[in-house]
Amino acid sequence: IGLKGRIIFEAPGLVALLTAHRALEEAVLSKQQNRFKPDVARKWVEL
């Protein structure tokens, strides 16, 4: 809605899960996949 919003967040399990998944992706995806995928991901998150 255009306002600035300030919050405290706590996501221990989700942060751990994201860290593990990212480490695996870095090792198994191609260079081009690792470069391009964040652009798609940011749009998905925005939606």
All heavy atoms as atom14 arrays in JSON, in Angstrom:
{
  "sequence": "IGLKGRIIFEAPGLVALLTAHRALEEAVLSKQQNRFKPDVARKWVEL",
  "atom14_mask": [
    [1, 1, 1, 1, 1, 1, 1, 1, 0, 0, 0, 0, 0, 0],
    [1, 1, 1, 1, 0, 0, 0, 0, 0, 0, 0, 0, 0, 0],
    [1, 1, 1, 1, 1, 1, 1, 1, 0, 0, 0, 0, 0, 0],
    [1, 1, 1, 1, 1, 1, 1, 1, 1, 0, 0, 0, 0, 0],
    [1, 1, 1, 1, 0, 0, 0, 0, 0, 0, 0, 0, 0, 0],
    [1, 1, 1, 1, 1, 1, 1, 1, 1, 1, 1, 0, 0, 0],
    [1, 1, 1, 1, 1, 1, 1, 1, 0, 0, 0, 0, 0, 0],
    [1, 1, 1, 1, 1, 1, 1, 1, 0, 0, 0, 0, 0, 0],
    [1, 1, 1, 1, 1, 1, 1, 1, 1, 1, 1, 0, 0, 0],
    [1, 1, 1, 1, 1, 1, 1, 1, 1, 0, 0, 0, 0, 0],
    [1, 1, 1, 1, 1, 0, 0, 0, 0, 0, 0, 0, 0, 0],
    [1, 1, 1, 1, 1, 1, 1, 0, 0, 0, 0, 0, 0, 0],
    [1, 1, 1, 1, 0, 0, 0, 0, 0, 0, 0, 0, 0, 0],
    [1, 1, 1, 1, 1, 1, 1, 1, 0, 0, 0, 0, 0, 0],
    [1, 1, 1, 1, 1, 1, 1, 0, 0, 0, 0, 0, 0, 0],
    [1, 1, 1, 1, 1, 0, 0, 0, 0, 0, 0, 0, 0, 0],
    [1, 1, 1, 1, 1, 1, 1, 1, 0, 0, 0, 0, 0, 0],
    [1, 1, 1, 1, 1, 1, 1, 1, 0, 0, 0, 0, 0, 0],
    [1, 1, 1, 1, 1, 1, 1, 0, 0, 0, 0, 0, 0, 0],
    [1, 1, 1, 1, 1, 0, 0, 0, 0, 0, 0, 0, 0, 0],
    [1, 1, 1, 1, 1, 1, 1, 1, 1, 1, 0, 0, 0, 0],
    [1, 1, 1, 1, 1, 1, 1, 1, 1, 1, 1, 0, 0, 0],
    [1, 1, 1, 1, 1, 0, 0, 0, 0, 0, 0, 0, 0, 0],
    [1, 1, 1, 1, 1, 1, 1, 1, 0, 0, 0, 0, 0, 0],
    [1, 1, 1, 1, 1, 1, 1, 1, 1, 0, 0, 0, 0, 0],
    [1, 1, 1, 1, 1, 1, 1, 1, 1, 0, 0, 0, 0, 0],
    [1, 1, 1, 1, 1, 0, 0, 0, 0, 0, 0, 0, 0, 0],
    [1, 1, 1, 1, 1, 1, 1, 0, 0, 0, 0, 0, 0, 0],
    [1, 1, 1, 1, 1, 1, 1, 1, 0, 0, 0, 0, 0, 0],
    [1, 1, 1, 1, 1, 1, 0, 0, 0, 0, 0, 0, 0, 0],
    [1, 1, 1, 1, 1, 1, 1, 1, 1, 0, 0, 0, 0, 0],
    [1, 1, 1, 1, 1, 1, 1, 1, 1, 0, 0, 0, 0, 0],
    [1, 1, 1, 1, 1, 1, 1, 1, 1, 0, 0, 0, 0, 0],
    [1, 1, 1, 1, 1, 1, 1, 1, 0, 0, 0, 0, 0, 0],
    [1, 1, 1, 1, 1, 1, 1, 1, 1, 1, 1, 0, 0, 0],
    [1, 1, 1, 1, 1, 1, 1, 1, 1, 1, 1, 0, 0, 0],
    [1, 1, 1, 1, 1, 1, 1, 1, 1, 0, 0, 0, 0, 0],
    [1, 1, 1, 1, 1, 1, 1, 0, 0, 0, 0, 0, 0, 0],
    [1, 1, 1, 1, 1, 1, 1, 1, 0, 0, 0, 0, 0, 0],
    [1, 1, 1, 1, 1, 1, 1, 0, 0, 0, 0, 0, 0, 0],
    [1, 1, 1, 1, 1, 0, 0, 0, 0, 0, 0, 0, 0, 0],
    [1, 1, 1, 1, 1, 1, 1, 1, 1, 1, 1, 0, 0, 0],
    [1, 1, 1, 1, 1, 1, 1, 1, 1, 0, 0, 0, 0, 0],
    [1, 1, 1, 1, 1, 1, 1, 1, 1, 1, 1, 1, 1, 1],
    [1, 1, 1, 1, 1, 1, 1, 0, 0, 0, 0, 0, 0, 0],
    [1, 1, 1, 1, 1, 1, 1, 1, 1, 0, 0, 0, 0, 0],
    [1, 1, 1, 1, 1, 1, 1, 1, 0, 0, 0, 0, 0, 0]
  ],
  "atom14_positions": [
    [[0.81, -1.22, 0.0], [0.0, 0.0, 0.0], [0.85, 1.27, 0.0], [0.31, 2.37, 0.04], [-0.96, 0.02, 1.2], [-0.18, 0.02, 2.52], [-1.92, -1.15, 1.13], [-1.07, 0.22, 3.73], [0.0, 0.0, 0.0], [0.0, 0.0, 0.0], [0.0, 0.0, 0.0], [0.0, 0.0, 0.0], [0.0, 0.0, 0.0], [0.0, 0.0, 0.0]],
    [[2.18, 1.12, -0.06], [3.05, 2.28, -0.22], [3.69, 2.81, 1.04], [4.57, 3.67, 0.97], [0.0, 0.0, 0.0], [0.0, 0.0, 0.0], [0.0, 0.0, 0.0], [0.0, 0.0, 0.0], [0.0, 0.0, 0.0], [0.0, 0.0, 0.0], [0.0, 0.0, 0.0], [0.0, 0.0, 0.0], [0.0, 0.0, 0.0], [0.0, 0.0, 0.0]],
    [[3.26, 2.33, 2.22], [3.86, 2.77, 3.47], [5.12, 1.96, 3.77], [5.29, 0.85, 3.28], [2.87, 2.6, 4.62], [1.56, 3.39, 4.55], [0.66, 3.0, 5.71], [1.85, 4.89, 4.58], [0.0, 0.0, 0.0], [0.0, 0.0, 0.0], [0.0, 0.0, 0.0], [0.0, 0.0, 0.0], [0.0, 0.0, 0.0], [0.0, 0.0, 0.0]],
    [[5.99, 2.51, 4.61], [7.08, 1.75, 5.16], [6.54, 0.91, 6.31], [5.76, 1.4, 7.13], [8.21, 2.66, 5.68], [8.9, 3.47, 4.62], [9.79, 2.61, 3.73], [10.56, 3.45, 2.73], [11.41, 2.63, 1.83], [0.0, 0.0, 0.0], [0.0, 0.0, 0.0], [0.0, 0.0, 0.0], [0.0, 0.0, 0.0], [0.0, 0.0, 0.0]],
    [[6.94, -0.33, 6.38], [6.5, -1.21, 7.45], [7.7, -1.81, 8.16], [8.6, -2.35, 7.51], [0.0, 0.0, 0.0], [0.0, 0.0, 0.0], [0.0, 0.0, 0.0], [0.0, 0.0, 0.0], [0.0, 0.0, 0.0], [0.0, 0.0, 0.0], [0.0, 0.0, 0.0], [0.0, 0.0, 0.0], [0.0, 0.0, 0.0], [0.0, 0.0, 0.0]],
    [[7.72, -1.71, 9.49], [8.85, -2.25, 10.27], [8.33, -3.39, 11.15], [7.34, -3.23, 11.87], [9.47, -1.17, 11.14], [10.75, -1.6, 11.87], [11.37, -0.41, 12.59], [12.69, -0.7, 13.11], [13.0, -0.74, 14.41], [12.06, -0.51, 15.31], [14.23, -1.01, 14.81], [0.0, 0.0, 0.0], [0.0, 0.0, 0.0], [0.0, 0.0, 0.0]],
    [[9.0, -4.51, 11.08], [8.6, -5.67, 11.86], [9.83, -6.39, 12.41], [10.95, -6.24, 11.9], [7.78, -6.69, 11.03], [8.63, -7.21, 9.86], [6.47, -6.1, 10.54], [8.01, -8.4, 9.13], [0.0, 0.0, 0.0], [0.0, 0.0, 0.0], [0.0, 0.0, 0.0], [0.0, 0.0, 0.0], [0.0, 0.0, 0.0], [0.0, 0.0, 0.0]],
    [[9.6, -7.16, 13.46], [10.54, -8.19, 13.88], [10.05, -9.49, 13.27], [8.85, -9.78, 13.27], [10.59, -8.32, 15.41], [11.26, -7.09, 16.03], [11.32, -9.59, 15.84], [11.2, -7.07, 17.54], [0.0, 0.0, 0.0], [0.0, 0.0, 0.0], [0.0, 0.0, 0.0], [0.0, 0.0, 0.0], [0.0, 0.0, 0.0], [0.0, 0.0, 0.0]],
    [[10.96, -10.27, 12.71], [10.56, -11.59, 12.24], [11.5, -12.65, 12.8], [12.67, -12.39, 13.07], [10.52, -11.66, 10.71], [11.85, -11.54, 10.02], [12.67, -12.65, 9.83], [12.29, -10.31, 9.55], [13.89, -12.54, 9.18], [13.51, -10.19, 8.89], [14.31, -11.3, 8.72], [0.0, 0.0, 0.0], [0.0, 0.0, 0.0], [0.0, 0.0, 0.0]],
    [[10.94, -13.83, 13.01], [11.72, -14.98, 13.46], [11.32, -16.18, 12.61], [10.15, -16.58, 12.6], [11.45, -15.27, 14.94], [11.88, -14.13, 15.86], [11.69, -14.43, 17.33], [11.15, -15.52, 17.66], [12.06, -13.58, 18.15], [0.0, 0.0, 0.0], [0.0, 0.0, 0.0], [0.0, 0.0, 0.0], [0.0, 0.0, 0.0], [0.0, 0.0, 0.0]],
    [[12.28, -16.73, 11.89], [12.01, -17.86, 11.0], [13.16, -18.85, 11.08], [13.88, -19.07, 10.1], [11.82, -17.36, 9.57], [0.0, 0.0, 0.0], [0.0, 0.0, 0.0], [0.0, 0.0, 0.0], [0.0, 0.0, 0.0], [0.0, 0.0, 0.0], [0.0, 0.0, 0.0], [0.0, 0.0, 0.0], [0.0, 0.0, 0.0], [0.0, 0.0, 0.0]],
    [[13.37, -19.47, 12.23], [14.55, -20.33, 12.4], [14.59, -21.52, 11.44], [15.63, -21.79, 10.83], [14.45, -20.79, 13.86], [13.02, -20.56, 14.25], [12.56, -19.38, 13.46], [0.0, 0.0, 0.0], [0.0, 0.0, 0.0], [0.0, 0.0, 0.0], [0.0, 0.0, 0.0], [0.0, 0.0, 0.0], [0.0, 0.0, 0.0], [0.0, 0.0, 0.0]],
    [[13.48, -22.23, 11.3], [13.47, -23.4, 10.43], [13.57, -23.04, 8.97], [14.29, -23.68, 8.2], [0.0, 0.0, 0.0], [0.0, 0.0, 0.0], [0.0, 0.0, 0.0], [0.0, 0.0, 0.0], [0.0, 0.0, 0.0], [0.0, 0.0, 0.0], [0.0, 0.0, 0.0], [0.0, 0.0, 0.0], [0.0, 0.0, 0.0], [0.0, 0.0, 0.0]],
    [[12.85, -22.0, 8.57], [12.84, -21.61, 7.16], [14.21, -21.08, 6.73], [14.69, -21.39, 5.63], [11.77, -20.54, 6.94], [11.25, -20.35, 5.52], [10.77, -21.66, 4.92], [10.13, -19.31, 5.51], [0.0, 0.0, 0.0], [0.0, 0.0, 0.0], [0.0, 0.0, 0.0], [0.0, 0.0, 0.0], [0.0, 0.0, 0.0], [0.0, 0.0, 0.0]],
    [[14.88, -20.31, 7.59], [16.21, -19.81, 7.27], [17.2, -20.98, 7.15], [18.04, -21.01, 6.24], [16.69, -18.8, 8.33], [18.18, -18.52, 8.2], [15.9, -17.5, 8.19], [0.0, 0.0, 0.0], [0.0, 0.0, 0.0], [0.0, 0.0, 0.0], [0.0, 0.0, 0.0], [0.0, 0.0, 0.0], [0.0, 0.0, 0.0], [0.0, 0.0, 0.0]],
    [[17.08, -21.96, 8.04], [17.94, -23.14, 7.95], [17.69, -23.9, 6.65], [18.64, -24.32, 5.96], [17.7, -24.05, 9.16], [0.0, 0.0, 0.0], [0.0, 0.0, 0.0], [0.0, 0.0, 0.0], [0.0, 0.0, 0.0], [0.0, 0.0, 0.0], [0.0, 0.0, 0.0], [0.0, 0.0, 0.0], [0.0, 0.0, 0.0], [0.0, 0.0, 0.0]],
    [[16.43, -24.07, 6.31], [16.06, -24.79, 5.1], [16.56, -24.07, 3.85], [17.1, -24.71, 2.92], [14.54, -24.95, 5.06], [13.94, -25.98, 4.11], [14.51, -27.36, 4.38], [12.41, -25.99, 4.29], [0.0, 0.0, 0.0], [0.0, 0.0, 0.0], [0.0, 0.0, 0.0], [0.0, 0.0, 0.0], [0.0, 0.0, 0.0], [0.0, 0.0, 0.0]],
    [[16.4, -22.76, 3.8], [16.89, -21.98, 2.66], [18.4, -22.08, 2.53], [18.94, -22.17, 1.42], [16.46, -20.52, 2.81], [14.98, -20.21, 2.61], [14.66, -18.8, 3.09], [14.58, -20.37, 1.15], [0.0, 0.0, 0.0], [0.0, 0.0, 0.0], [0.0, 0.0, 0.0], [0.0, 0.0, 0.0], [0.0, 0.0, 0.0], [0.0, 0.0, 0.0]],
    [[19.11, -22.05, 3.66], [20.56, -22.15, 3.64], [21.02, -23.48, 3.06], [21.94, -23.54, 2.24], [21.12, -21.97, 5.06], [20.73, -20.69, 5.58], [22.64, -22.07, 5.08], [0.0, 0.0, 0.0], [0.0, 0.0, 0.0], [0.0, 0.0, 0.0], [0.0, 0.0, 0.0], [0.0, 0.0, 0.0], [0.0, 0.0, 0.0], [0.0, 0.0, 0.0]],
    [[20.38, -24.56, 3.49], [20.74, -25.88, 2.99], [20.44, -26.02, 1.5], [21.26, -26.51, 0.72], [19.99, -26.95, 3.78], [0.0, 0.0, 0.0], [0.0, 0.0, 0.0], [0.0, 0.0, 0.0], [0.0, 0.0, 0.0], [0.0, 0.0, 0.0], [0.0, 0.0, 0.0], [0.0, 0.0, 0.0], [0.0, 0.0, 0.0], [0.0, 0.0, 0.0]],
    [[19.27, -25.58, 1.1], [18.85, -25.71, -0.3], [19.76, -24.89, -1.21], [20.16, -25.34, -2.29], [17.4, -25.27, -0.44], [16.86, -25.4, -1.83], [16.83, -24.35, -2.73], [16.34, -26.47, -2.49], [16.31, -24.76, -3.87], [16.0, -26.04, -3.75], [0.0, 0.0, 0.0], [0.0, 0.0, 0.0], [0.0, 0.0, 0.0], [0.0, 0.0, 0.0]],
    [[20.11, -23.7, -0.78], [20.97, -22.84, -1.6], [22.35, -23.48, -1.78], [22.93, -23.44, -2.87], [21.1, -21.46, -0.96], [21.87, -20.46, -1.81], [21.82, -19.07, -1.21], [20.46, -18.54, -1.17], [19.79, -18.28, -0.05], [20.35, -18.5, 1.12], [18.57, -17.81, -0.11], [0.0, 0.0, 0.0], [0.0, 0.0, 0.0], [0.0, 0.0, 0.0]],
    [[22.88, -24.06, -0.72], [24.19, -24.7, -0.81], [24.18, -25.86, -1.8], [25.13, -26.06, -2.56], [24.63, -25.19, 0.57], [0.0, 0.0, 0.0], [0.0, 0.0, 0.0], [0.0, 0.0, 0.0], [0.0, 0.0, 0.0], [0.0, 0.0, 0.0], [0.0, 0.0, 0.0], [0.0, 0.0, 0.0], [0.0, 0.0, 0.0], [0.0, 0.0, 0.0]],
    [[23.09, -26.63, -1.81], [22.98, -27.74, -2.74], [22.83, -27.24, -4.17], [23.48, -27.77, -5.1], [21.79, -28.63, -2.34], [21.56, -29.9, -3.15], [22.8, -30.78, -3.15], [20.35, -30.66, -2.61], [0.0, 0.0, 0.0], [0.0, 0.0, 0.0], [0.0, 0.0, 0.0], [0.0, 0.0, 0.0], [0.0, 0.0, 0.0], [0.0, 0.0, 0.0]],
    [[22.0, -26.22, -4.37], [21.83, -25.65, -5.71], [23.15, -25.11, -6.26], [23.46, -25.29, -7.45], [20.81, -24.52, -5.68], [19.37, -24.96, -5.77], [18.45, -23.81, -6.12], [18.75, -22.66, -5.76], [17.43, -24.05, -6.78], [0.0, 0.0, 0.0], [0.0, 0.0, 0.0], [0.0, 0.0, 0.0], [0.0, 0.0, 0.0], [0.0, 0.0, 0.0]],
    [[23.91, -24.43, -5.44], [25.19, -23.87, -5.89], [26.1, -24.95, -6.45], [26.87, -24.7, -7.38], [25.88, -23.16, -4.73], [25.21, -21.86, -4.3], [25.75, -21.33, -2.99], [26.54, -22.03, -2.33], [25.38, -20.2, -2.62], [0.0, 0.0, 0.0], [0.0, 0.0, 0.0], [0.0, 0.0, 0.0], [0.0, 0.0, 0.0], [0.0, 0.0, 0.0]],
    [[25.98, -26.16, -5.9], [26.87, -27.24, -6.31], [26.37, -28.01, -7.53], [27.17, -28.57, -8.28], [27.07, -28.22, -5.15], [0.0, 0.0, 0.0], [0.0, 0.0, 0.0], [0.0, 0.0, 0.0], [0.0, 0.0, 0.0], [0.0, 0.0, 0.0], [0.0, 0.0, 0.0], [0.0, 0.0, 0.0], [0.0, 0.0, 0.0], [0.0, 0.0, 0.0]],
    [[25.05, -28.04, -7.75], [24.52, -28.93, -8.79], [23.92, -28.21, -9.99], [23.77, -28.83, -11.06], [23.47, -29.91, -8.2], [24.06, -30.7, -7.04], [22.2, -29.18, -7.78], [0.0, 0.0, 0.0], [0.0, 0.0, 0.0], [0.0, 0.0, 0.0], [0.0, 0.0, 0.0], [0.0, 0.0, 0.0], [0.0, 0.0, 0.0], [0.0, 0.0, 0.0]],
    [[23.56, -26.93, -9.87], [23.0, -26.22, -11.02], [24.12, -25.68, -11.91], [25.24, -25.46, -11.45], [22.12, -25.06, -10.56], [20.83, -25.39, -9.79], [20.0, -24.13, -9.61], [20.02, -26.47, -10.49], [0.0, 0.0, 0.0], [0.0, 0.0, 0.0], [0.0, 0.0, 0.0], [0.0, 0.0, 0.0], [0.0, 0.0, 0.0], [0.0, 0.0, 0.0]],
    [[23.79, -25.45, -13.16], [24.78, -24.87, -14.08], [24.99, -23.4, -13.75], [24.19, -22.77, -13.05], [24.3, -25.02, -15.53], [23.24, -24.11, -15.79], [0.0, 0.0, 0.0], [0.0, 0.0, 0.0], [0.0, 0.0, 0.0], [0.0, 0.0, 0.0], [0.0, 0.0, 0.0], [0.0, 0.0, 0.0], [0.0, 0.0, 0.0], [0.0, 0.0, 0.0]],
    [[26.06, -22.85, -14.29], [26.36, -21.43, -14.1], [25.21, -20.56, -14.57], [24.8, -19.61, -13.89], [27.64, -21.09, -14.85], [28.05, -19.62, -14.81], [29.34, -19.43, -15.6], [29.78, -17.98, -15.62], [31.06, -17.81, -16.37], [0.0, 0.0, 0.0], [0.0, 0.0, 0.0], [0.0, 0.0, 0.0], [0.0, 0.0, 0.0], [0.0, 0.0, 0.0]],
    [[24.65, -20.87, -15.73], [23.58, -20.06, -16.28], [22.29, -20.19, -15.44], [21.56, -19.21, -15.27], [23.31, -20.43, -17.74], [24.49, -20.19, -18.67], [24.98, -18.74, -18.62], [24.18, -17.81, -18.47], [26.29, -18.55, -18.73], [0.0, 0.0, 0.0], [0.0, 0.0, 0.0], [0.0, 0.0, 0.0], [0.0, 0.0, 0.0], [0.0, 0.0, 0.0]],
    [[22.02, -21.38, -14.93], [20.87, -21.55, -14.05], [21.03, -20.7, -12.79], [20.11, -20.01, -12.36], [20.7, -23.02, -13.66], [20.09, -23.9, -14.73], [20.01, -25.34, -14.29], [21.01, -25.94, -13.9], [18.81, -25.91, -14.35], [0.0, 0.0, 0.0], [0.0, 0.0, 0.0], [0.0, 0.0, 0.0], [0.0, 0.0, 0.0], [0.0, 0.0, 0.0]],
    [[22.2, -20.78, -12.18], [22.43, -20.02, -10.95], [22.37, -18.51, -11.18], [22.01, -17.76, -10.28], [23.79, -20.4, -10.34], [23.72, -21.67, -9.51], [22.74, -21.9, -8.81], [24.74, -22.51, -9.6], [0.0, 0.0, 0.0], [0.0, 0.0, 0.0], [0.0, 0.0, 0.0], [0.0, 0.0, 0.0], [0.0, 0.0, 0.0], [0.0, 0.0, 0.0]],
    [[22.71, -18.07, -12.38], [22.65, -16.64, -12.69], [21.22, -16.17, -12.98], [20.81, -15.1, -12.54], [23.51, -16.34, -13.92], [24.99, -16.21, -13.64], [25.7, -15.81, -14.91], [27.09, -15.46, -14.67], [27.92, -15.05, -15.62], [27.5, -14.97, -16.88], [29.17, -14.75, -15.33], [0.0, 0.0, 0.0], [0.0, 0.0, 0.0], [0.0, 0.0, 0.0]],
    [[20.47, -16.98, -13.72], [19.15, -16.54, -14.19], [18.05, -16.78, -13.17], [17.12, -15.97, -13.04], [18.8, -17.27, -15.5], [17.44, -16.92, -16.03], [17.22, -15.68, -16.62], [16.38, -17.82, -15.95], [15.96, -15.35, -17.11], [15.13, -17.5, -16.43], [14.92, -16.26, -17.02], [0.0, 0.0, 0.0], [0.0, 0.0, 0.0], [0.0, 0.0, 0.0]],
    [[18.13, -17.88, -12.45], [17.04, -18.28, -11.56], [16.64, -17.2, -10.55], [15.44, -17.03, -10.28], [17.41, -19.58, -10.85], [16.32, -20.14, -9.96], [16.73, -21.52, -9.47], [15.93, -21.89, -8.24], [16.36, -21.18, -7.04], [0.0, 0.0, 0.0], [0.0, 0.0, 0.0], [0.0, 0.0, 0.0], [0.0, 0.0, 0.0], [0.0, 0.0, 0.0]],
    [[17.56, -16.46, -9.94], [17.15, -15.41, -8.99], [16.21, -14.37, -9.59], [15.37, -13.81, -8.87], [18.48, -14.79, -8.55], [19.48, -15.9, -8.71], [19.04, -16.63, -9.94], [0.0, 0.0, 0.0], [0.0, 0.0, 0.0], [0.0, 0.0, 0.0], [0.0, 0.0, 0.0], [0.0, 0.0, 0.0], [0.0, 0.0, 0.0], [0.0, 0.0, 0.0]],
    [[16.33, -14.09, -10.89], [15.42, -13.12, -11.51], [13.98, -13.65, -11.49], [13.03, -12.91, -11.19], [15.84, -12.84, -12.95], [17.17, -12.11, -13.05], [17.53, -11.44, -12.06], [17.83, -12.2, -14.1], [0.0, 0.0, 0.0], [0.0, 0.0, 0.0], [0.0, 0.0, 0.0], [0.0, 0.0, 0.0], [0.0, 0.0, 0.0], [0.0, 0.0, 0.0]],
    [[13.82, -14.92, -11.82], [12.49, -15.54, -11.77], [11.99, -15.58, -10.34], [10.83, -15.29, -10.05], [12.54, -16.97, -12.37], [11.2, -17.67, -12.21], [12.96, -16.92, -13.83], [0.0, 0.0, 0.0], [0.0, 0.0, 0.0], [0.0, 0.0, 0.0], [0.0, 0.0, 0.0], [0.0, 0.0, 0.0], [0.0, 0.0, 0.0], [0.0, 0.0, 0.0]],
    [[12.88, -15.95, -9.42], [12.51, -16.09, -8.02], [12.02, -14.77, -7.43], [11.03, -14.73, -6.69], [13.7, -16.62, -7.22], [0.0, 0.0, 0.0], [0.0, 0.0, 0.0], [0.0, 0.0, 0.0], [0.0, 0.0, 0.0], [0.0, 0.0, 0.0], [0.0, 0.0, 0.0], [0.0, 0.0, 0.0], [0.0, 0.0, 0.0], [0.0, 0.0, 0.0]],
    [[12.71, -13.69, -7.75], [12.3, -12.39, -7.21], [10.91, -12.0, -7.69], [10.12, -11.41, -6.94], [13.34, -11.32, -7.56], [14.56, -11.33, -6.65], [15.45, -10.13, -6.9], [16.16, -10.23, -8.16], [17.34, -10.82, -8.31], [17.94, -11.38, -7.27], [17.94, -10.87, -9.47], [0.0, 0.0, 0.0], [0.0, 0.0, 0.0], [0.0, 0.0, 0.0]],
    [[10.59, -12.31, -8.94], [9.26, -11.99, -9.46], [8.2, -12.84, -8.77], [7.12, -12.35, -8.42], [9.21, -12.19, -10.97], [7.89, -11.73, -11.6], [7.65, -10.25, -11.34], [6.31, -9.78, -11.88], [6.07, -8.36, -11.6], [0.0, 0.0, 0.0], [0.0, 0.0, 0.0], [0.0, 0.0, 0.0], [0.0, 0.0, 0.0], [0.0, 0.0, 0.0]],
    [[8.5, -14.13, -8.55], [7.57, -15.0, -7.85], [7.3, -14.47, -6.44], [6.15, -14.4, -5.99], [8.13, -16.42, -7.8], [7.2, -17.43, -7.19], [6.27, -18.19, -7.84], [7.09, -17.77, -5.8], [5.59, -18.99, -6.95], [6.08, -18.75, -5.69], [7.75, -17.35, -4.65], [5.72, -19.31, -4.46], [7.38, -17.9, -3.42], [6.38, -18.87, -3.34]],
    [[8.36, -14.1, -5.74], [8.23, -13.57, -4.38], [7.4, -12.28, -4.38], [6.54, -12.08, -3.51], [9.63, -13.32, -3.77], [9.55, -12.46, -2.52], [10.3, -14.65, -3.46], [0.0, 0.0, 0.0], [0.0, 0.0, 0.0], [0.0, 0.0, 0.0], [0.0, 0.0, 0.0], [0.0, 0.0, 0.0], [0.0, 0.0, 0.0], [0.0, 0.0, 0.0]],
    [[7.65, -11.43, -5.35], [6.92, -10.17, -5.45], [5.42, -10.42, -5.64], [4.58, -9.77, -5.0], [7.47, -9.37, -6.63], [6.81, -8.04, -6.88], [7.39, -7.37, -8.11], [8.57, -6.99, -8.07], [6.67, -7.27, -9.13], [0.0, 0.0, 0.0], [0.0, 0.0, 0.0], [0.0, 0.0, 0.0], [0.0, 0.0, 0.0], [0.0, 0.0, 0.0]],
    [[5.06, -11.37, -6.5], [3.65, -11.69, -6.73], [2.98, -12.18, -5.45], [1.87, -11.75, -5.11], [3.52, -12.75, -7.83], [3.84, -12.31, -9.26], [3.87, -13.52, -10.18], [2.84, -11.29, -9.76], [0.0, 0.0, 0.0], [0.0, 0.0, 0.0], [0.0, 0.0, 0.0], [0.0, 0.0, 0.0], [0.0, 0.0, 0.0], [0.0, 0.0, 0.0]]
  ]
}
